C-alpha atoms as a PDB file:
ATOM      1  CA  MET A   1      -0.045   0.075  -0.071  1.00  0.00           C
ATOM      2  CA  HIS A   2       2.948   2.232   0.855  1.00  0.00           C
ATOM      3  CA  GLU A   3       3.982   1.920  -2.723  1.00  0.00           C
ATOM      4  CA  SER A   4       1.041   2.761  -4.478  1.00  0.00           C
ATOM      5  CA  THR A   5       0.715   5.936  -2.187  1.00  0.00           C
ATOM      6  CA  ALA A   6       4.081   7.083  -3.091  1.00  0.00           C
ATOM      7  CA  HIS A   7       3.292   6.308  -6.670  1.00  0.00           C
ATOM      8  CA  SER A   8       0.325   8.103  -7.107  1.00  0.00           C
ATOM      9  CA  THR A   9       1.911  11.166  -4.995  1.00  0.00           C
ATOM     10  CA  LEU A  10       4.776  11.316  -7.519  1.00  0.00           C
ATOM     11  CA  LYS A  11       2.131  11.124 -10.138  1.00  0.00           C
ATOM     12  CA  THR A  12       0.674  14.205  -8.770  1.00  0.00           C
ATOM     13  CA  LEU A  13       3.611  16.513  -8.582  1.00  0.00           C
ATOM     14  CA  TYR A  14       4.873  15.205 -11.910  1.00  0.00           C
ATOM     15  CA  GLY A  15       1.163  16.646 -13.142  1.00  0.00           C
ATOM     16  CA  VAL A  16       1.552  19.898 -11.136  1.00  0.00           C
ATOM     17  CA  ALA A  17       5.175  20.437 -12.309  1.00  0.00           C
ATOM     18  CA  LEU A  18       3.656  19.832 -15.738  1.00  0.00           C
ATOM     19  CA  ALA A  19       0.710  22.231 -15.415  1.00  0.00           C
ATOM     20  CA  PHE A  20       3.429  24.655 -13.748  1.00  0.00           C
ATOM     21  CA  ALA A  21       5.548  24.608 -16.983  1.00  0.00           C
ATOM     22  CA  ALA A  22       3.051  24.461 -19.513  1.00  0.00           C
ATOM     23  CA  GLY A  23       1.576  27.972 -17.961  1.00  0.00           C
ATOM     24  CA  ALA A  24       5.094  29.488 -17.714  1.00  0.00           C
ATOM     25  CA  LEU A  25       5.632  28.743 -21.514  1.00  0.00           C
ATOM     26  CA  ALA A  26       2.059  30.051 -22.334  1.00  0.00           C
ATOM     27  CA  MET A  27       2.773  33.279 -20.339  1.00  0.00           C
ATOM     28  CA  TYR A  28       6.272  33.526 -21.886  1.00  0.00           C
ATOM     29  CA  LEU A  29       4.784  33.264 -25.254  1.00  0.00           C
ATOM     30  CA  MET A  30       1.592  35.306 -24.755  1.00  0.00           C
ATOM     31  CA  ASP A  31       3.064  38.364 -23.077  1.00  0.00           C
ATOM     32  CA  PRO A  32       1.854  41.198 -24.577  1.00  0.00           C
ATOM     33  CA  ASN A  33       5.101  42.912 -24.514  1.00  0.00           C
ATOM     34  CA  THR A  34       7.278  40.484 -26.200  1.00  0.00           C
ATOM     35  CA  GLY A  35       5.455  37.461 -26.906  1.00  0.00           C
ATOM     36  CA  ARG A  36       5.088  38.564 -30.563  1.00  0.00           C
ATOM     37  CA  ARG A  37       8.919  38.513 -31.035  1.00  0.00           C
ATOM     38  CA  ARG A  38       9.651  35.549 -28.703  1.00  0.00           C
ATOM     39  CA  ARG A  39       6.689  33.609 -31.182  1.00  0.00           C
ATOM     40  CA  ALA A  40       8.486  34.771 -34.127  1.00  0.00           C
ATOM     41  CA  LEU A  41      12.049  33.779 -32.902  1.00  0.00           C
ATOM     42  CA  ILE A  42      10.295  30.184 -32.202  1.00  0.00           C
ATOM     43  CA  ARG A  43       8.793  30.211 -35.719  1.00  0.00           C
ATOM     44  CA  ASP A  44      12.225  31.570 -37.458  1.00  0.00           C
ATOM     45  CA  ARG A  45      14.342  28.949 -35.514  1.00  0.00           C
ATOM     46  CA  GLY A  46      12.152  26.119 -36.458  1.00  0.00           C
ATOM     47  CA  ALA A  47      12.197  27.323 -40.292  1.00  0.00           C
ATOM     48  CA  SER A  48      15.793  27.285 -40.181  1.00  0.00           C
ATOM     49  CA  LEU A  49      15.680  23.969 -38.647  1.00  0.00           C
ATOM     50  CA  GLY A  50      13.952  22.683 -41.305  1.00  0.00           C
ATOM     51  CA  ASN A  51      15.920  24.270 -44.176  1.00  0.00           C
ATOM     52  CA  ASP A  52      19.330  22.984 -42.846  1.00  0.00           C
ATOM     53  CA  ALA A  53      18.071  19.576 -42.287  1.00  0.00           C
ATOM     54  CA  GLY A  54      16.787  19.928 -45.966  1.00  0.00           C
ATOM     55  CA  HIS A  55      20.028  21.271 -47.061  1.00  0.00           C
ATOM     56  CA  TYR A  56      21.946  18.102 -45.107  1.00  0.00           C
ATOM     57  CA  VAL A  57      19.928  15.369 -46.466  1.00  0.00           C
ATOM     58  CA  ARG A  58      20.207  16.767 -49.902  1.00  0.00           C
ATOM     59  CA  GLY A  59      23.862  16.844 -49.489  1.00  0.00           C
ATOM     60  CA  LYS A  60      24.009  13.118 -48.284  1.00  0.00           C
ATOM     61  CA  ALA A  61      21.640  11.802 -51.063  1.00  0.00           C
ATOM     62  CA  LYS A  62      24.128  13.735 -53.635  1.00  0.00           C
ATOM     63  CA  ARG A  63      26.910  12.288 -52.290  1.00  0.00           C
ATOM     64  CA  ALA A  64      25.595   8.721 -52.217  1.00  0.00           C
ATOM     65  CA  ALA A  65      24.532   9.106 -56.021  1.00  0.00           C
ATOM     66  CA  HIS A  66      28.079  10.482 -56.946  1.00  0.00           C
ATOM     67  CA  ARG A  67      29.384   7.660 -55.231  1.00  0.00           C
ATOM     68  CA  LEU A  68      27.304   4.815 -57.057  1.00  0.00           C
ATOM     69  CA  LYS A  69      28.169   6.750 -60.211  1.00  0.00           C
ATOM     70  CA  GLY A  70      31.654   6.394 -59.404  1.00  0.00           C
ATOM     71  CA  VAL A  71      30.738   2.403 -58.551  1.00  0.00           C
ATOM     72  CA  ALA A  72      29.584   2.063 -61.733  1.00  0.00           C
ATOM     73  CA  ALA A  73      31.895   3.750 -63.634  1.00  0.00           C
ATOM     74  CA  ARG A  74      34.659   1.726 -61.989  1.00  0.00           C
ATOM     75  CA  GLY A  75      32.961  -1.567 -62.852  1.00  0.00           C
ATOM     76  CA  ARG A  76      32.281  -0.418 -66.332  1.00  0.00           C
ATOM     77  CA  ALA A  77      36.061   0.444 -66.857  1.00  0.00           C
ATOM     78  CA  SER A  78      37.271  -3.028 -65.235  1.00  0.00           C
ATOM     79  CA  LEU A  79      34.946  -4.760 -67.777  1.00  0.00           C
ATOM     80  CA  SER A  80      36.515  -2.813 -70.714  1.00  0.00           C
ATOM     81  CA  THR A  81      38.751  -4.351 -73.042  1.00  0.00           C
ATOM     82  CA  GLU A  82      39.079  -0.732 -74.871  1.00  0.00           C
ATOM     83  CA  LEU A  83      42.968   0.370 -74.649  1.00  0.00           C
ATOM     84  CA  LEU A  84      43.672   3.621 -73.248  1.00  0.00           C
ATOM     85  CA  ASP A  85      45.745   5.910 -75.305  1.00  0.00           C
ATOM     86  CA  ASP A  86      49.361   6.691 -74.245  1.00  0.00           C
ATOM     87  CA  ASP A  87      48.454  10.263 -73.468  1.00  0.00           C
ATOM     88  CA  ARG A  88      45.644   9.658 -71.237  1.00  0.00           C
ATOM     89  CA  LEU A  89      47.498   6.656 -69.626  1.00  0.00           C
ATOM     90  CA  HIS A  90      50.021   9.105 -68.653  1.00  0.00           C
ATOM     91  CA  ASP A  91      48.062  11.568 -67.344  1.00  0.00           C
ATOM     92  CA  ARG A  92      46.294   9.132 -64.981  1.00  0.00           C
ATOM     93  CA  ILE A  93      49.429   7.592 -63.900  1.00  0.00           C
ATOM     94  CA  ARG A  94      50.750  11.242 -63.102  1.00  0.00           C
ATOM     95  CA  ALA A  95      47.424  12.063 -60.988  1.00  0.00           C
ATOM     96  CA  ARG A  96      48.066   8.761 -59.318  1.00  0.00           C
ATOM     97  CA  LEU A  97      51.759   9.577 -58.317  1.00  0.00           C
ATOM     98  CA  GLY A  98      50.421  12.556 -56.370  1.00  0.00           C
ATOM     99  CA  ARG A  99      48.588  10.592 -54.110  1.00  0.00           C
ATOM    100  CA  VAL A 100      51.314   7.763 -53.752  1.00  0.00           C
ATOM    101  CA  VAL A 101      54.777   9.734 -53.645  1.00  0.00           C
ATOM    102  CA  GLY A 102      55.594  12.493 -51.502  1.00  0.00           C
ATOM    103  CA  HIS A 103      57.353  14.144 -54.492  1.00  0.00           C
ATOM    104  CA  PRO A 104      55.627  13.341 -57.713  1.00  0.00           C
ATOM    105  CA  HIS A 105      57.799  15.897 -59.768  1.00  0.00           C
ATOM    106  CA  ASP A 106      61.095  13.541 -58.935  1.00  0.00           C
ATOM    107  CA  VAL A 107      59.417  10.741 -61.209  1.00  0.00           C
ATOM    108  CA  GLU A 108      59.432  10.706 -64.977  1.00  0.00           C
ATOM    109  CA  VAL A 109      56.949   9.059 -66.738  1.00  0.00           C
ATOM    110  CA  HIS A 110      56.991   7.210 -70.199  1.00  0.00           C
ATOM    111  CA  VAL A 111      53.995   5.443 -71.921  1.00  0.00           C
ATOM    112  CA  HIS A 112      54.304   3.519 -75.281  1.00  0.00           C
ATOM    113  CA  ASP A 113      51.511   1.122 -76.249  1.00  0.00           C
ATOM    114  CA  GLY A 114      50.818   0.313 -72.566  1.00  0.00           C
ATOM    115  CA  TRP A 115      54.157  -0.064 -71.714  1.00  0.00           C
ATOM    116  CA  VAL A 116      55.226   1.946 -69.124  1.00  0.00           C
ATOM    117  CA  GLN A 117      58.865   2.972 -67.709  1.00  0.00           C
ATOM    118  CA  LEU A 118      59.243   5.248 -64.414  1.00  0.00           C
ATOM    119  CA  LYS A 119      62.727   6.978 -63.848  1.00  0.00           C
ATOM    120  CA  GLY A 120      63.878   9.315 -60.969  1.00  0.00           C
ATOM    121  CA  ALA A 121      64.123   9.063 -57.190  1.00  0.00           C
ATOM    122  CA  VAL A 122      61.294   8.076 -54.699  1.00  0.00           C
ATOM    123  CA  ALA A 123      61.458   7.285 -50.903  1.00  0.00           C
ATOM    124  CA  GLU A 124      62.467   3.693 -50.146  1.00  0.00           C
ATOM    125  CA  GLU A 125      59.407   3.145 -48.104  1.00  0.00           C
ATOM    126  CA  GLU A 126      56.916   5.038 -51.073  1.00  0.00           C
ATOM    127  CA  PHE A 127      58.894   2.169 -53.888  1.00  0.00           C
ATOM    128  CA  GLU A 128      56.852  -0.641 -53.329  1.00  0.00           C
ATOM    129  CA  ASP A 129      53.493   1.333 -53.145  1.00  0.00           C
ATOM    130  CA  LEU A 130      54.112   2.954 -55.990  1.00  0.00           C
ATOM    131  CA  LEU A 131      55.227   0.003 -58.283  1.00  0.00           C
ATOM    132  CA  ARG A 132      51.954  -1.981 -56.754  1.00  0.00           C
ATOM    133  CA  GLU A 133      49.415   1.141 -57.980  1.00  0.00           C
ATOM    134  CA  VAL A 134      51.062   1.723 -61.261  1.00  0.00           C
ATOM    135  CA  SER A 135      51.190  -2.085 -62.335  1.00  0.00           C
ATOM    136  CA  SER A 136      47.437  -2.452 -61.274  1.00  0.00           C
ATOM    137  CA  MET A 137      46.023   0.500 -63.364  1.00  0.00           C
ATOM    138  CA  ARG A 138      43.814  -0.161 -66.501  1.00  0.00           C
ATOM    139  CA  GLY A 139      45.828   0.277 -69.762  1.00  0.00           C
ATOM    140  CA  VAL A 140      49.310  -0.776 -68.199  1.00  0.00           C
ATOM    141  CA  ARG A 141      50.492  -3.651 -69.688  1.00  0.00           C
ATOM    142  CA  ASN A 142      54.129  -3.777 -68.749  1.00  0.00           C
ATOM    143  CA  LEU A 143      56.016  -1.575 -66.060  1.00  0.00           C
ATOM    144  CA  GLU A 144      59.631  -1.095 -66.422  1.00  0.00           C
ATOM    145  CA  SER A 145      61.234   0.734 -63.175  1.00  0.00           C
ATOM    146  CA  LEU A 146      64.405   2.677 -63.364  1.00  0.00           C
ATOM    147  CA  LEU A 147      63.828   4.560 -60.309  1.00  0.00           C
ATOM    148  CA  ARG A 148      66.165   5.366 -57.502  1.00  0.00           C
ATOM    149  CA  THR A 149      65.304   4.822 -54.201  1.00  0.00           C
ATOM    150  CA  THR A 150      66.318   7.300 -51.339  1.00  0.00           C
ATOM    151  CA  SER A 151      66.323   6.868 -47.533  1.00  0.00           C
ATOM    152  CA  PRO A 152      65.084   9.645 -45.579  1.00  0.00           C
ATOM    153  CA  PRO A 153      67.629  11.892 -43.585  1.00  0.00           C
ATOM    154  CA  PRO A 154      68.535  10.537 -40.457  1.00  0.00           C
ATOM    155  CA  GLN A 155      66.952  12.235 -37.216  1.00  0.00           C
ATOM    156  CA  PRO A 156      69.491  13.739 -34.871  1.00  0.00           C
ATOM    157  CA  GLU A 157      69.786  11.690 -31.358  1.00  0.00           C
ATOM    158  CA  GLY A 158      69.307  13.813 -28.281  1.00  0.00           C
ATOM    159  CA  PRO A 159      67.144  16.650 -27.470  1.00  0.00           C
ATOM    160  CA  ARG A 160      65.774  18.881 -29.999  1.00  0.00           C
ATOM    161  CA  LEU A 161      67.303  23.048 -29.735  1.00  0.00           C
ATOM    162  CA  GLY A 162      64.190  24.915 -30.926  1.00  0.00           C
ATOM    163  CA  PRO A 163      60.805  25.054 -31.329  1.00  0.00           C
ATOM    164  CA  HIS A 164      58.986  21.991 -31.185  1.00  0.00           C
END
């Protein structure tokens, strides 16, 4: 019996608090001096929130559509037996170099009938990734590497002087 009485008392207090909050909100919004401005602010914030949500959803949908187009294009390209011309393959390799190698301008690329020759210098830790990326590209029939590998400069031991 004690629990049901406590439960009903809490329900009553909750109802009173809710009624008090609703009355305070009504007074806040219906105030003759500033109620109109407050209602307009709430309306404008709600509209802005709706616009922001719509913009967010449209952006995500657009990104998903572009992603699907890219997946479809890669799928079509992987099934295609059409050979790339040397200039286009050269440009694609140069673009890929920028994502794989720290200093892409140090690498020369020569392409002839799908046979690719790389010359220049790359960091030792980038060498394997570069060969794997270029050899896996569509249109590359053979890859010849005349690359030199360089090791990074040794890091000085001991405490560093100057800004950290």
